[in-house]
PDB file of N, CA and C in Angstrom:
ATOM      1  N   MET A   1      20.561  -0.015  10.380  1.00  0.00           N
ATOM      2  CA  MET A   1      19.631   0.498   9.944  1.00  0.00           C
ATOM      3  C   MET A   1      17.825   0.199  10.099  1.00  0.00           C
ATOM      4  N   LYS A   2      16.822  -0.090  10.319  1.00  0.00           N
ATOM      5  CA  LYS A   2      16.343  -0.293  11.326  1.00  0.00           C
ATOM      6  C   LYS A   2      15.367  -1.125  10.400  1.00  0.00           C
ATOM      7  N   LYS A   3      15.190  -2.713  11.024  1.00  0.00           N
ATOM      8  CA  LYS A   3      14.553  -3.523  10.156  1.00  0.00           C
ATOM      9  C   LYS A   3      12.586  -2.744   9.623  1.00  0.00           C
ATOM     10  N   ASN A   4      12.722  -2.305  10.342  1.00  0.00           N
ATOM     11  CA  ASN A   4      11.050  -2.276  10.116  1.00  0.00           C
ATOM     12  C   ASN A   4      10.456  -0.432  10.268  1.00  0.00           C
ATOM     13  N   GLY A   5      11.985   0.052   9.954  1.00  0.00           N
ATOM     14  CA  GLY A   5      11.677   1.584   9.158  1.00  0.00           C
ATOM     15  C   GLY A   5      10.842   1.792   8.183  1.00  0.00           C
ATOM     16  N   PHE A   6      10.510   2.910   7.876  1.00  0.00           N
ATOM     17  CA  PHE A   6      10.140   3.845   7.044  1.00  0.00           C
ATOM     18  C   PHE A   6      10.185   4.712   6.551  1.00  0.00           C
ATOM     19  N   PRO A   7      11.339   4.846   5.669  1.00  0.00           N
ATOM     20  CA  PRO A   7      12.357   5.743   5.137  1.00  0.00           C
ATOM     21  C   PRO A   7      11.881   6.142   3.945  1.00  0.00           C
ATOM     22  N   LYS A   8      12.250   7.465   3.891  1.00  0.00           N
ATOM     23  CA  LYS A   8      11.997   9.018   2.412  1.00  0.00           C
ATOM     24  C   LYS A   8      12.301   8.197   1.121  1.00  0.00           C
ATOM     25  N   ARG A   9      12.878   7.003   1.025  1.00  0.00           N
ATOM     26  CA  ARG A   9      13.522   6.440   0.208  1.00  0.00           C
ATOM     27  C   ARG A   9      11.659   5.425  -0.545  1.00  0.00           C
ATOM     28  N   ASP A  10      11.423   5.140   0.673  1.00  0.00           N
ATOM     29  CA  ASP A  10      10.636   3.751   0.314  1.00  0.00           C
ATOM     30  C   ASP A  10       8.701   4.649   0.460  1.00  0.00           C
ATOM     31  N   HIS A  11       9.055   5.501   0.087  1.00  0.00           N
ATOM     32  CA  HIS A  11       7.897   7.198  -0.170  1.00  0.00           C
ATOM     33  C   HIS A  11       8.268   6.686  -1.714  1.00  0.00           C
ATOM     34  N   LEU A  12       7.339   6.449  -2.120  1.00  0.00           N
ATOM     35  CA  LEU A  12       7.052   6.690  -3.826  1.00  0.00           C
ATOM     36  C   LEU A  12       6.106   8.153  -4.077  1.00  0.00           C
ATOM     37  N   CYS A  13       7.555   8.728  -4.530  1.00  0.00           N
ATOM     38  CA  CYS A  13       7.309  10.127  -4.857  1.00  0.00           C
ATOM     39  C   CYS A  13       6.969  10.698  -6.771  1.00  0.00           C
ATOM     40  N   SER A  14       7.326   9.910  -6.952  1.00  0.00           N
ATOM     41  CA  SER A  14       7.602  10.478  -8.278  1.00  0.00           C
ATOM     42  C   SER A  14       6.093  10.190  -9.359  1.00  0.00           C
ATOM     43  N   HIS A  15       6.214  11.791 -10.193  1.00  0.00           N
ATOM     44  CA  HIS A  15       5.254  11.639 -10.919  1.00  0.00           C
ATOM     45  C   HIS A  15       4.651  10.674 -12.293  1.00  0.00           C
ATOM     46  N   LEU A  16       6.149   9.576 -12.632  1.00  0.00           N
ATOM     47  CA  LEU A  16       6.362   9.441 -13.845  1.00  0.00           C
ATOM     48  C   LEU A  16       5.249   7.654 -12.618  1.00  0.00           C
ATOM     49  N   LEU A  17       6.814   7.459 -12.000  1.00  0.00           N
ATOM     50  CA  LEU A  17       6.203   5.824 -11.598  1.00  0.00           C
ATOM     51  C   LEU A  17       4.536   5.940 -11.391  1.00  0.00           C
ATOM     52  N   ILE A  18       4.152   7.268 -10.353  1.00  0.00           N
ATOM     53  CA  ILE A  18       3.318   7.005  -9.949  1.00  0.00           C
ATOM     54  C   ILE A  18       2.087   6.983 -11.504  1.00  0.00           C
ATOM     55  N   GLU A  19       1.989   7.687 -12.766  1.00  0.00           N
ATOM     56  CA  GLU A  19       1.455   7.342 -13.940  1.00  0.00           C
ATOM     57  C   GLU A  19       1.614   5.878 -14.251  1.00  0.00           C
ATOM     58  N   ARG A  20       2.608   5.784 -14.301  1.00  0.00           N
ATOM     59  CA  ARG A  20       3.239   4.205 -14.646  1.00  0.00           C
ATOM     60  C   ARG A  20       2.509   3.010 -14.214  1.00  0.00           C
ATOM     61  N   LEU A  21       2.440   3.305 -12.670  1.00  0.00           N
ATOM     62  CA  LEU A  21       1.514   2.347 -11.715  1.00  0.00           C
ATOM     63  C   LEU A  21       0.127   2.530 -11.709  1.00  0.00           C
ATOM     64  N   PHE A  22      -0.532   3.651 -12.346  1.00  0.00           N
ATOM     65  CA  PHE A  22      -2.359   3.663 -12.324  1.00  0.00           C
ATOM     66  C   PHE A  22      -1.853   3.438 -13.970  1.00  0.00           C
ATOM     67  N   GLU A  23      -1.332   3.258 -14.328  1.00  0.00           N
ATOM     68  CA  GLU A  23      -1.494   2.895 -16.513  1.00  0.00           C
ATOM     69  C   GLU A  23      -2.238   1.929 -16.841  1.00  0.00           C
ATOM     70  N   PRO A  24      -3.580   1.666 -17.267  1.00  0.00           N
ATOM     71  CA  PRO A  24      -4.443   0.830 -18.242  1.00  0.00           C
ATOM     72  C   PRO A  24      -3.361  -0.122 -17.990  1.00  0.00           C
ATOM     73  N   GLY A  25      -3.969  -1.686 -17.714  1.00  0.00           N
ATOM     74  CA  GLY A  25      -2.974  -2.818 -18.034  1.00  0.00           C
ATOM     75  C   GLY A  25      -1.719  -3.426 -17.195  1.00  0.00           C
ATOM     76  N   GLY A  26      -0.845  -2.045 -16.345  1.00  0.00           N
ATOM     77  CA  GLY A  26       0.536  -3.508 -16.318  1.00  0.00           C
ATOM     78  C   GLY A  26       0.126  -3.157 -15.126  1.00  0.00           C
ATOM     79  N   SER A  27      -1.074  -3.083 -14.076  1.00  0.00           N
ATOM     80  CA  SER A  27      -0.998  -3.411 -12.778  1.00  0.00           C
ATOM     81  C   SER A  27      -1.613  -4.040 -12.542  1.00  0.00           C
ATOM     82  N   LYS A  28      -1.525  -4.946 -11.173  1.00  0.00           N
ATOM     83  CA  LYS A  28      -2.551  -5.509 -10.743  1.00  0.00           C
ATOM     84  C   LYS A  28      -3.153  -4.740  -9.321  1.00  0.00           C
ATOM     85  N   SER A  29      -4.747  -5.379  -8.860  1.00  0.00           N
ATOM     86  CA  SER A  29      -5.086  -4.998  -8.298  1.00  0.00           C
ATOM     87  C   SER A  29      -5.917  -6.032  -6.691  1.00  0.00           C
ATOM     88  N   LEU A  30      -5.715  -5.787  -5.796  1.00  0.00           N
ATOM     89  CA  LEU A  30      -6.394  -6.403  -4.664  1.00  0.00           C
ATOM     90  C   LEU A  30      -7.388  -5.486  -4.013  1.00  0.00           C
ATOM     91  N   GLN A  31      -8.522  -5.822  -3.816  1.00  0.00           N
ATOM     92  CA  GLN A  31      -9.317  -5.510  -2.597  1.00  0.00           C
ATOM     93  C   GLN A  31      -9.514  -6.279  -1.292  1.00  0.00           C
ATOM     94  N   ALA A  32      -9.555  -5.233  -0.004  1.00  0.00           N
ATOM     95  CA  ALA A  32      -9.725  -5.984   1.478  1.00  0.00           C
ATOM     96  C   ALA A  32     -10.310  -4.670   1.825  1.00  0.00           C
ATOM     97  N   TYR A  33     -11.610  -5.013   1.368  1.00  0.00           N
ATOM     98  CA  TYR A  33     -12.305  -3.989   2.481  1.00  0.00           C
ATOM     99  C   TYR A  33     -12.256  -3.229   3.474  1.00  0.00           C
ATOM    100  N   PRO A  34     -11.617  -1.796   3.973  1.00  0.00           N
ATOM    101  CA  PRO A  34     -11.458  -1.326   3.480  1.00  0.00           C
ATOM    102  C   PRO A  34     -10.712   0.088   2.241  1.00  0.00           C
ATOM    103  N   LEU A  35      -9.548  -0.582   1.504  1.00  0.00           N
ATOM    104  CA  LEU A  35      -8.413  -0.508   1.475  1.00  0.00           C
ATOM    105  C   LEU A  35      -8.489  -1.595   0.107  1.00  0.00           C
ATOM    106  N   ARG A  36      -7.952  -0.210  -0.836  1.00  0.00           N
ATOM    107  CA  ARG A  36      -8.088  -1.519  -2.607  1.00  0.00           C
ATOM    108  C   ARG A  36      -5.665  -1.549  -2.457  1.00  0.00           C
ATOM    109  N   MET A  37      -4.927  -1.831  -2.673  1.00  0.00           N
ATOM    110  CA  MET A  37      -3.651  -2.197  -2.866  1.00  0.00           C
ATOM    111  C   MET A  37      -3.712  -2.125  -4.685  1.00  0.00           C
ATOM    112  N   VAL A  38      -3.097  -0.830  -4.938  1.00  0.00           N
ATOM    113  CA  VAL A  38      -2.716  -1.647  -6.648  1.00  0.00           C
ATOM    114  C   VAL A  38      -0.821  -1.549  -6.657  1.00  0.00           C
ATOM    115  N   TYR A  39      -0.484  -2.984  -7.125  1.00  0.00           N
ATOM    116  CA  TYR A  39       1.447  -2.720  -7.200  1.00  0.00           C
ATOM    117  C   TYR A  39       1.732  -3.520  -8.988  1.00  0.00           C
ATOM    118  N   ARG A  40       2.992  -2.777  -8.758  1.00  0.00           N
ATOM    119  CA  ARG A  40       3.749  -3.651 -10.848  1.00  0.00           C
ATOM    120  C   ARG A  40       4.570  -3.574 -10.002  1.00  0.00           C
ATOM    121  N   GLU A  41       5.336  -4.760 -10.718  1.00  0.00           N
ATOM    122  CA  GLU A  41       7.108  -4.726 -10.355  1.00  0.00           C
ATOM    123  C   GLU A  41       7.577  -2.881 -10.950  1.00  0.00           C
ATOM    124  N   ALA A  42       8.568  -3.661 -10.155  1.00  0.00           N
ATOM    125  CA  ALA A  42       9.963  -1.855 -10.591  1.00  0.00           C
ATOM    126  C   ALA A  42      11.238  -2.692  -9.739  1.00  0.00           C
ATOM    127  N   ASP A  43      11.612  -0.949 -10.089  1.00  0.00           N
ATOM    128  CA  ASP A  43      13.341  -1.525  -9.917  1.00  0.00           C
ATOM    129  C   ASP A  43      13.585  -1.305  -7.835  1.00  0.00           C
ATOM    130  N   SER A  44      12.893  -0.647  -7.129  1.00  0.00           N
ATOM    131  CA  SER A  44      12.663  -1.056  -5.420  1.00  0.00           C
ATOM    132  C   SER A  44      11.231  -0.663  -5.086  1.00  0.00           C
ATOM    133  N   THR A  45      11.365  -1.095  -3.682  1.00  0.00           N
ATOM    134  CA  THR A  45       9.908  -1.181  -3.472  1.00  0.00           C
ATOM    135  C   THR A  45       9.952   0.283  -3.207  1.00  0.00           C
ATOM    136  N   GLN A  46       8.921   0.208  -3.297  1.00  0.00           N
ATOM    137  CA  GLN A  46       8.406   1.590  -2.713  1.00  0.00           C
ATOM    138  C   GLN A  46       6.409   1.698  -2.745  1.00  0.00           C
ATOM    139  N   VAL A  47       6.165   2.787  -1.646  1.00  0.00           N
ATOM    140  CA  VAL A  47       5.183   2.744  -1.621  1.00  0.00           C
ATOM    141  C   VAL A  47       3.586   4.267  -0.930  1.00  0.00           C
ATOM    142  N   LEU A  48       2.939   3.811  -1.735  1.00  0.00           N
ATOM    143  CA  LEU A  48       1.626   4.916  -2.354  1.00  0.00           C
ATOM    144  C   LEU A  48       0.294   5.160  -0.898  1.00  0.00           C
ATOM    145  N   ILE A  49       0.283   6.288  -0.969  1.00  0.00           N
ATOM    146  CA  ILE A  49      -0.727   5.909   0.700  1.00  0.00           C
ATOM    147  C   ILE A  49      -1.748   7.187   0.475  1.00  0.00           C
ATOM    148  N   SER A  50      -2.957   6.695  -0.154  1.00  0.00           N
ATOM    149  CA  SER A  50      -4.277   8.361  -0.557  1.00  0.00           C
ATOM    150  C   SER A  50      -5.384   7.778   0.241  1.00  0.00           C
ATOM    151  N   VAL A  51      -6.200   9.019   1.205  1.00  0.00           N
ATOM    152  CA  VAL A  51      -6.876   9.147   1.097  1.00  0.00           C
ATOM    153  C   VAL A  51      -7.512   9.802   0.609  1.00  0.00           C
ATOM    154  N   PRO A  52      -8.727   9.830  -0.502  1.00  0.00           N
ATOM    155  CA  PRO A  52      -9.494  11.530  -0.572  1.00  0.00           C
ATOM    156  C   PRO A  52      -9.764  12.362  -0.071  1.00  0.00           C
ATOM    157  N   LYS A  53      -9.993  13.552  -0.213  1.00  0.00           N
ATOM    158  CA  LYS A  53     -11.222  13.912   0.581  1.00  0.00           C
ATOM    159  C   LYS A  53     -11.479  13.999   0.170  1.00  0.00           C
ATOM    160  N   ARG A  54     -11.854  13.937  -0.888  1.00  0.00           N
ATOM    161  CA  ARG A  54     -13.917  13.879  -0.183  1.00  0.00           C
ATOM    162  C   ARG A  54     -14.703  12.535   0.405  1.00  0.00           C
ATOM    163  N   LEU A  55     -14.191  11.961   1.139  1.00  0.00           N
ATOM    164  CA  LEU A  55     -14.690  10.602   1.588  1.00  0.00           C
ATOM    165  C   LEU A  55     -13.992  11.447   3.584  1.00  0.00           C
ATOM    166  N   PHE A  56     -12.953  12.126   3.510  1.00  0.00           N
ATOM    167  CA  PHE A  56     -12.736  12.327   5.168  1.00  0.00           C
ATOM    168  C   PHE A  56     -12.268  14.187   4.384  1.00  0.00           C
ATOM    169  N   HIS A  57     -13.361  14.913   4.905  1.00  0.00           N
ATOM    170  CA  HIS A  57     -12.879  16.789   4.091  1.00  0.00           C
ATOM    171  C   HIS A  57     -11.748  17.000   5.382  1.00  0.00           C
ATOM    172  N   ASN A  58     -11.807  16.744   7.046  1.00  0.00           N
ATOM    173  CA  ASN A  58     -11.204  17.535   7.145  1.00  0.00           C
ATOM    174  C   ASN A  58      -9.669  16.617   7.160  1.00  0.00           C
ATOM    175  N   ALA A  59      -8.058  17.590   7.354  1.00  0.00           N
ATOM    176  CA  ALA A  59      -7.234  17.267   7.238  1.00  0.00           C
ATOM    177  C   ALA A  59      -6.784  16.356   8.766  1.00  0.00           C
ATOM    178  N   VAL A  60      -6.953  16.684   9.361  1.00  0.00           N
ATOM    179  CA  VAL A  60      -6.351  15.399  11.048  1.00  0.00           C
ATOM    180  C   VAL A  60      -7.531  14.754  10.074  1.00  0.00           C
ATOM    181  N   ASP A  61      -8.353  14.109  10.338  1.00  0.00           N
ATOM    182  CA  ASP A  61      -9.071  13.369   9.644  1.00  0.00           C
ATOM    183  C   ASP A  61      -8.410  11.422   8.908  1.00  0.00           C
ATOM    184  N   ARG A  62      -7.423  12.388   7.197  1.00  0.00           N
ATOM    185  CA  ARG A  62      -7.278  12.161   6.637  1.00  0.00           C
ATOM    186  C   ARG A  62      -5.644  11.030   7.102  1.00  0.00           C
ATOM    187  N   ASN A  63      -5.413  12.449   8.135  1.00  0.00           N
ATOM    188  CA  ASN A  63      -3.734  12.242   8.182  1.00  0.00           C
ATOM    189  C   ASN A  63      -3.739  10.947   8.978  1.00  0.00           C
ATOM    190  N   ARG A  64      -4.748  10.795   9.447  1.00  0.00           N
ATOM    191  CA  ARG A  64      -4.808   9.669  10.890  1.00  0.00           C
ATOM    192  C   ARG A  64      -5.036   8.546  10.459  1.00  0.00           C
ATOM    193  N   VAL A  65      -5.774   7.860   9.287  1.00  0.00           N
ATOM    194  CA  VAL A  65      -6.618   7.380   8.003  1.00  0.00           C
ATOM    195  C   VAL A  65      -4.828   6.989   7.781  1.00  0.00           C
ATOM    196  N   LYS A  66      -4.435   8.111   7.661  1.00  0.00           N
ATOM    197  CA  LYS A  66      -2.553   7.189   6.788  1.00  0.00           C
ATOM    198  C   LYS A  66      -1.741   6.781   7.548  1.00  0.00           C
ATOM    199  N   ARG A  67      -1.716   7.649   8.847  1.00  0.00           N
ATOM    200  CA  ARG A  67      -1.161   7.437   9.994  1.00  0.00           C
ATOM    201  C   ARG A  67      -1.454   5.885  10.276  1.00  0.00           C
ATOM    202  N   GLN A  68      -2.316   5.315  10.084  1.00  0.00           N
ATOM    203  CA  GLN A  68      -2.859   4.270  10.053  1.00  0.00           C
ATOM    204  C   GLN A  68      -2.430   2.634   9.521  1.00  0.00           C
ATOM    205  N   ILE A  69      -2.226   3.198   7.996  1.00  0.00           N
ATOM    206  CA  ILE A  69      -1.842   2.593   7.030  1.00  0.00           C
ATOM    207  C   ILE A  69      -0.738   2.689   6.891  1.00  0.00           C
ATOM    208  N   ARG A  70       0.483   3.459   7.538  1.00  0.00           N
ATOM    209  CA  ARG A  70       1.291   3.149   7.082  1.00  0.00           C
ATOM    210  C   ARG A  70       2.006   2.192   8.016  1.00  0.00           C
ATOM    211  N   GLU A  71       1.857   2.719   9.174  1.00  0.00           N
ATOM    212  CA  GLU A  71       2.660   1.660  10.675  1.00  0.00           C
ATOM    213  C   GLU A  71       1.931   0.274  10.141  1.00  0.00           C
ATOM    214  N   ALA A  72       0.775   0.047   9.722  1.00  0.00           N
ATOM    215  CA  ALA A  72       0.209  -1.140   9.323  1.00  0.00           C
ATOM    216  C   ALA A  72       0.920  -2.319   8.184  1.00  0.00           C
ATOM    217  N   TYR A  73       1.228  -1.240   7.104  1.00  0.00           N
ATOM    218  CA  TYR A  73       2.899  -0.825   6.043  1.00  0.00           C
ATOM    219  C   TYR A  73       4.077  -2.063   6.367  1.00  0.00           C
ATOM    220  N   ARG A  74       4.144  -0.951   7.501  1.00  0.00           N
ATOM    221  CA  ARG A  74       5.478  -0.545   8.540  1.00  0.00           C
ATOM    222  C   ARG A  74       5.878  -1.745   8.872  1.00  0.00           C
ATOM    223  N   THR A  75       4.798  -2.541   9.626  1.00  0.00           N
ATOM    224  CA  THR A  75       5.361  -3.471  10.762  1.00  0.00           C
ATOM    225  C   THR A  75       5.651  -4.737   9.660  1.00  0.00           C
ATOM    226  N   ASN A  76       4.945  -4.834   8.645  1.00  0.00           N
ATOM    227  CA  ASN A  76       4.347  -5.677   7.861  1.00  0.00           C
ATOM    228  C   ASN A  76       4.700  -6.266   6.592  1.00  0.00           C
ATOM    229  N   LYS A  77       5.696  -4.546   6.434  1.00  0.00           N
ATOM    230  CA  LYS A  77       6.242  -5.005   5.002  1.00  0.00           C
ATOM    231  C   LYS A  77       7.069  -5.917   4.113  1.00  0.00           C
ATOM    232  N   SER A  78       7.876  -6.937   6.207  1.00  0.00           N
ATOM    233  CA  SER A  78       8.556  -8.380   5.213  1.00  0.00           C
ATOM    234  C   SER A  78       7.978  -9.051   4.895  1.00  0.00           C
ATOM    235  N   LEU A  79       6.490  -9.117   4.396  1.00  0.00           N
ATOM    236  CA  LEU A  79       6.017 -10.140   3.913  1.00  0.00           C
ATOM    237  C   LEU A  79       5.707 -10.387   2.423  1.00  0.00           C
ATOM    238  N   LEU A  80       6.351  -8.830   1.788  1.00  0.00           N
ATOM    239  CA  LEU A  80       6.941  -8.559   0.519  1.00  0.00           C
ATOM    240  C   LEU A  80       8.087  -8.623   0.768  1.00  0.00           C
ATOM    241  N   ALA A  81       9.286  -8.828   1.405  1.00  0.00           N
ATOM    242  CA  ALA A  81      10.439  -8.434   1.127  1.00  0.00           C
ATOM    243  C   ALA A  81      11.674 -10.170   0.281  1.00  0.00           C
ATOM    244  N   THR A  82      10.038 -11.070   0.748  1.00  0.00           N
ATOM    245  CA  THR A  82      10.712 -12.499  -0.473  1.00  0.00           C
ATOM    246  C   THR A  82      10.915 -12.441  -1.980  1.00  0.00           C
ATOM    247  N   THR A  83       9.907 -11.164  -2.056  1.00  0.00           N
ATOM    248  CA  THR A  83       8.937 -11.334  -3.595  1.00  0.00           C
ATOM    249  C   THR A  83       9.821 -10.104  -3.986  1.00  0.00           C
ATOM    250  N   LYS A  84       9.578 -10.127  -5.703  1.00  0.00           N
ATOM    251  CA  LYS A  84       9.880  -9.179  -6.816  1.00  0.00           C
ATOM    252  C   LYS A  84       9.791  -7.571  -5.568  1.00  0.00           C
ATOM    253  N   PRO A  85      11.174  -6.089  -6.387  1.00  0.00           N
ATOM    254  CA  PRO A  85      10.875  -4.370  -5.915  1.00  0.00           C
ATOM    255  C   PRO A  85       9.346  -4.293  -6.190  1.00  0.00           C
ATOM    256  N   LEU A  86       8.527  -3.873  -5.793  1.00  0.00           N
ATOM    257  CA  LEU A  86       6.794  -3.276  -6.401  1.00  0.00           C
ATOM    258  C   LEU A  86       6.675  -1.799  -5.746  1.00  0.00           C
ATOM    259  N   SER A  87       6.636  -1.049  -7.313  1.00  0.00           N
ATOM    260  CA  SER A  87       5.314  -0.101  -6.899  1.00  0.00           C
ATOM    261  C   SER A  87       4.427  -0.555  -5.902  1.00  0.00           C
ATOM    262  N   VAL A  88       3.649  -0.024  -4.586  1.00  0.00           N
ATOM    263  CA  VAL A  88       2.565   0.122  -4.320  1.00  0.00           C
ATOM    264  C   VAL A  88       1.472   1.344  -3.409  1.00  0.00           C
ATOM    265  N   ALA A  89       1.139   1.076  -3.653  1.00  0.00           N
ATOM    266  CA  ALA A  89      -0.369   1.812  -4.047  1.00  0.00           C
ATOM    267  C   ALA A  89      -0.834   1.333  -2.337  1.00  0.00           C
ATOM    268  N   PHE A  90      -1.948   2.122  -1.608  1.00  0.00           N
ATOM    269  CA  PHE A  90      -3.413   1.588  -0.790  1.00  0.00           C
ATOM    270  C   PHE A  90      -3.694   2.238  -0.870  1.00  0.00           C
ATOM    271  N   LEU A  91      -5.456   2.570  -1.598  1.00  0.00           N
ATOM    272  CA  LEU A  91      -6.211   3.164  -1.436  1.00  0.00           C
ATOM    273  C   LEU A  91      -6.939   2.936  -0.458  1.00  0.00           C
ATOM    274  N   TRP A  92      -7.110   4.255   0.065  1.00  0.00           N
ATOM    275  CA  TRP A  92      -9.061   4.407   1.144  1.00  0.00           C
ATOM    276  C   TRP A  92      -9.800   4.181   0.212  1.00  0.00           C
ATOM    277  N   LEU A  93     -10.943   3.680   0.467  1.00  0.00           N
ATOM    278  CA  LEU A  93     -12.622   3.308   0.527  1.00  0.00           C
ATOM    279  C   LEU A  93     -13.603   3.429   0.727  1.00  0.00           C
ATOM    280  N   ASP A  94     -13.329   3.956   1.918  1.00  0.00           N
ATOM    281  CA  ASP A  94     -14.924   4.430   2.917  1.00  0.00           C
ATOM    282  C   ASP A  94     -14.786   5.623   3.945  1.00  0.00           C
ATOM    283  N   SER A  95     -15.661   5.829   3.732  1.00  0.00           N
ATOM    284  CA  SER A  95     -16.259   7.902   4.900  1.00  0.00           C
ATOM    285  C   SER A  95     -16.408   6.544   5.946  1.00  0.00           C
ATOM    286  N   LYS A  96     -15.837   6.177   7.276  1.00  0.00           N
ATOM    287  CA  LYS A  96     -15.648   5.996   8.238  1.00  0.00           C
ATOM    288  C   LYS A  96     -13.874   5.285   8.326  1.00  0.00           C
ATOM    289  N   HIS A  97     -13.755   5.650  10.209  1.00  0.00           N
ATOM    290  CA  HIS A  97     -12.885   5.426  10.255  1.00  0.00           C
ATOM    291  C   HIS A  97     -12.512   3.973  11.785  1.00  0.00           C
ATOM    292  N   TYR A  98     -11.939   3.317  10.919  1.00  0.00           N
ATOM    293  CA  TYR A  98     -11.549   1.533  11.635  1.00  0.00           C
ATOM    294  C   TYR A  98     -10.625   2.370  12.762  1.00  0.00           C
ATOM    295  N   PRO A  99     -10.815   0.969  13.550  1.00  0.00           N
ATOM    296  CA  PRO A  99      -9.879   0.552  14.782  1.00  0.00           C
ATOM    297  C   PRO A  99      -8.075   0.074  13.562  1.00  0.00           C
ATOM    298  N   THR A 100      -7.883   0.555  14.519  1.00  0.00           N
ATOM    299  CA  THR A 100      -5.753  -0.028  14.096  1.00  0.00           C
ATOM    300  C   THR A 100      -5.910  -1.731  13.917  1.00  0.00           C
ATOM    301  N   SER A 101      -6.531  -1.908  14.553  1.00  0.00           N
ATOM    302  CA  SER A 101      -6.180  -3.491  14.741  1.00  0.00           C
ATOM    303  C   SER A 101      -7.026  -4.396  13.476  1.00  0.00           C
ATOM    304  N   VAL A 102      -7.434  -3.378  12.729  1.00  0.00           N
ATOM    305  CA  VAL A 102      -8.142  -3.916  11.828  1.00  0.00           C
ATOM    306  C   VAL A 102      -7.611  -3.305  10.477  1.00  0.00           C
ATOM    307  N   ILE A 103      -6.993  -2.755  10.521  1.00  0.00           N
ATOM    308  CA  ILE A 103      -6.971  -1.832   9.406  1.00  0.00           C
ATOM    309  C   ILE A 103      -5.420  -2.547   9.373  1.00  0.00           C
ATOM    310  N   ASN A 104      -4.949  -3.207  10.509  1.00  0.00           N
ATOM    311  CA  ASN A 104      -3.158  -4.005  10.448  1.00  0.00           C
ATOM    312  C   ASN A 104      -3.921  -4.974   9.509  1.00  0.00           C
ATOM    313  N   LYS A 105      -4.440  -5.873  10.348  1.00  0.00           N
ATOM    314  CA  LYS A 105      -5.685  -7.450   9.512  1.00  0.00           C
ATOM    315  C   LYS A 105      -5.637  -6.833   8.267  1.00  0.00           C
ATOM    316  N   LYS A 106      -6.204  -6.028   7.229  1.00  0.00           N
ATOM    317  CA  LYS A 106      -6.201  -5.973   6.242  1.00  0.00           C
ATOM    318  C   LYS A 106      -5.257  -5.499   5.742  1.00  0.00           C
ATOM    319  N   VAL A 107      -4.160  -4.875   5.759  1.00  0.00           N
ATOM    320  CA  VAL A 107      -2.916  -4.370   5.410  1.00  0.00           C
ATOM    321  C   VAL A 107      -1.971  -5.457   5.203  1.00  0.00           C
ATOM    322  N   CYS A 108      -1.980  -6.550   5.777  1.00  0.00           N
ATOM    323  CA  CYS A 108      -1.550  -7.915   6.415  1.00  0.00           C
ATOM    324  C   CYS A 108      -2.070  -8.777   5.495  1.00  0.00           C
ATOM    325  N   ASN A 109      -3.125  -8.608   5.245  1.00  0.00           N
ATOM    326  CA  ASN A 109      -4.020  -9.500   4.222  1.00  0.00           C
ATOM    327  C   ASN A 109      -3.921  -9.299   3.060  1.00  0.00           C
ATOM    328  N   LEU A 110      -3.527  -7.813   2.221  1.00  0.00           N
ATOM    329  CA  LEU A 110      -3.426  -7.390   1.144  1.00  0.00           C
ATOM    330  C   LEU A 110      -2.218  -8.105   1.075  1.00  0.00           C
ATOM    331  N   LEU A 111      -0.688  -7.353   1.476  1.00  0.00           N
ATOM    332  CA  LEU A 111       0.104  -7.956   1.305  1.00  0.00           C
ATOM    333  C   LEU A 111       1.121  -9.597   0.827  1.00  0.00           C
ATOM    334  N   GLN A 112      -0.107 -10.299   1.816  1.00  0.00           N
ATOM    335  CA  GLN A 112       0.434 -11.682   1.743  1.00  0.00           C
ATOM    336  C   GLN A 112       0.157 -12.020   0.551  1.00  0.00           C
ATOM    337  N   ARG A 113      -1.042 -11.912  -0.303  1.00  0.00           N
ATOM    338  CA  ARG A 113      -1.903 -12.212  -1.322  1.00  0.00           C
ATOM    339  C   ARG A 113      -1.505 -11.543  -2.497  1.00  0.00           C
ATOM    340  N   GLY A 114      -0.842 -10.267  -1.954  1.00  0.00           N
ATOM    341  CA  GLY A 114       0.294  -9.693  -3.343  1.00  0.00           C
ATOM    342  C   GLY A 114       0.914 -10.593  -4.098  1.00  0.00           C
ATOM    343  N   SER A 115       2.003 -11.625  -2.870  1.00  0.00           N
ATOM    344  CA  SER A 115       3.038 -11.943  -2.516  1.00  0.00           C
ATOM    345  C   SER A 115       2.988 -13.335  -2.714  1.00  0.00           C
ATOM    346  N   GLU A 116       1.751 -13.822  -2.709  1.00  0.00           N
ATOM    347  CA  GLU A 116       0.717 -15.638  -3.367  1.00  0.00           C
ATOM    348  C   GLU A 116       0.889 -15.118  -5.204  1.00  0.00           C
ATOM    349  N   GLN A 117       0.556 -14.038  -5.280  1.00  0.00           N
ATOM    350  CA  GLN A 117       0.046 -13.708  -6.405  1.00  0.00           C
ATOM    351  C   GLN A 117       1.441 -13.937  -7.332  1.00  0.00           C
ATOM    352  N   LEU A 118       2.418 -13.529  -7.094  1.00  0.00           N
ATOM    353  CA  LEU A 118       4.007 -12.855  -7.605  1.00  0.00           C
ATOM    354  C   LEU A 118       4.599 -13.932  -7.335  1.00  0.00           C
ATOM    355  N   ALA A 119       4.546 -15.100  -5.874  1.00  0.00           N
ATOM    356  CA  ALA A 119       4.402 -16.298  -6.575  1.00  0.00           C
ATOM    357  C   ALA A 119       4.442 -17.268  -7.834  1.00  0.00           C
ATOM    358  N   GLN A 120       3.304 -17.164  -7.639  1.00  0.00           N
ATOM    359  CA  GLN A 120       2.605 -17.915  -8.455  1.00  0.00           C
ATOM    360  C   GLN A 120       3.070 -17.523 -10.606  1.00  0.00           C
ATOM    361  N   GLN A 121       3.443 -16.532 -10.403  1.00  0.00           N
ATOM    362  CA  GLN A 121       3.819 -15.978 -12.064  1.00  0.00           C
ATOM    363  C   GLN A 121       5.293 -15.947 -12.021  1.00  0.00           C
ATOM    364  N   SER A 122       5.681 -16.286 -11.061  1.00  0.00           N
ATOM    365  CA  SER A 122       7.389 -16.744 -11.557  1.00  0.00           C
ATOM    366  C   SER A 122       7.583 -18.289 -11.605  1.00  0.00           C
ATOM    367  N   CYS A 123       6.497 -19.047 -10.858  1.00  0.00           N
ATOM    368  CA  CYS A 123       6.816 -20.270 -11.495  1.00  0.00           C
ATOM    369  C   CYS A 123       6.014 -20.153 -12.859  1.00  0.00           C
TER     370      CYS A 123
END
């Protein structure tokens, strides 16, 4: 198996898990503009990427941003490997495109901060 792969089992698709992730009180949230990361402890690490249609009306634009976020997560997911399994959602907040390098830094920042918060909670 590829170390940096992003197989289907890592995609958060279950409506029940998504509802649980966004219900008040149970989840934590971090922001590194133009991204927001919402996470919660779960049975296995799964990721949801959301780019709203109201920000990018054309599917081509939404798919480009999702592809950039997915690639950034795929290459930096080892930052979460040492922590507990999580359900994670990356939410896009801006209506502008950003270079892939900027998105990569933001995702890396969010993953590091999230793993630090989880490490502090477990101590």
